[in-house]
């Protein structure tokens, strides 16, 4: 699976970073950085929770 980020929707709140810190980080400018786009099966539940927790629906998982 792969993480897709819609930068136009992202507000940099950091909820995803708190739920999946190995994949997401909000930088000093308040912009979200996807640290690791590819999601392994072991990481899937954590990343799905981060995607679901995004209040602006800026994140998506694709096959």
Foldseek 3Di string as FASTA:
>chain_A
DFKAFQQVQDQLPCLLCVQQVCQWDQDPVSGIDGNDGDDDPVCVVSNVVSCVPRPRNRMDDDD
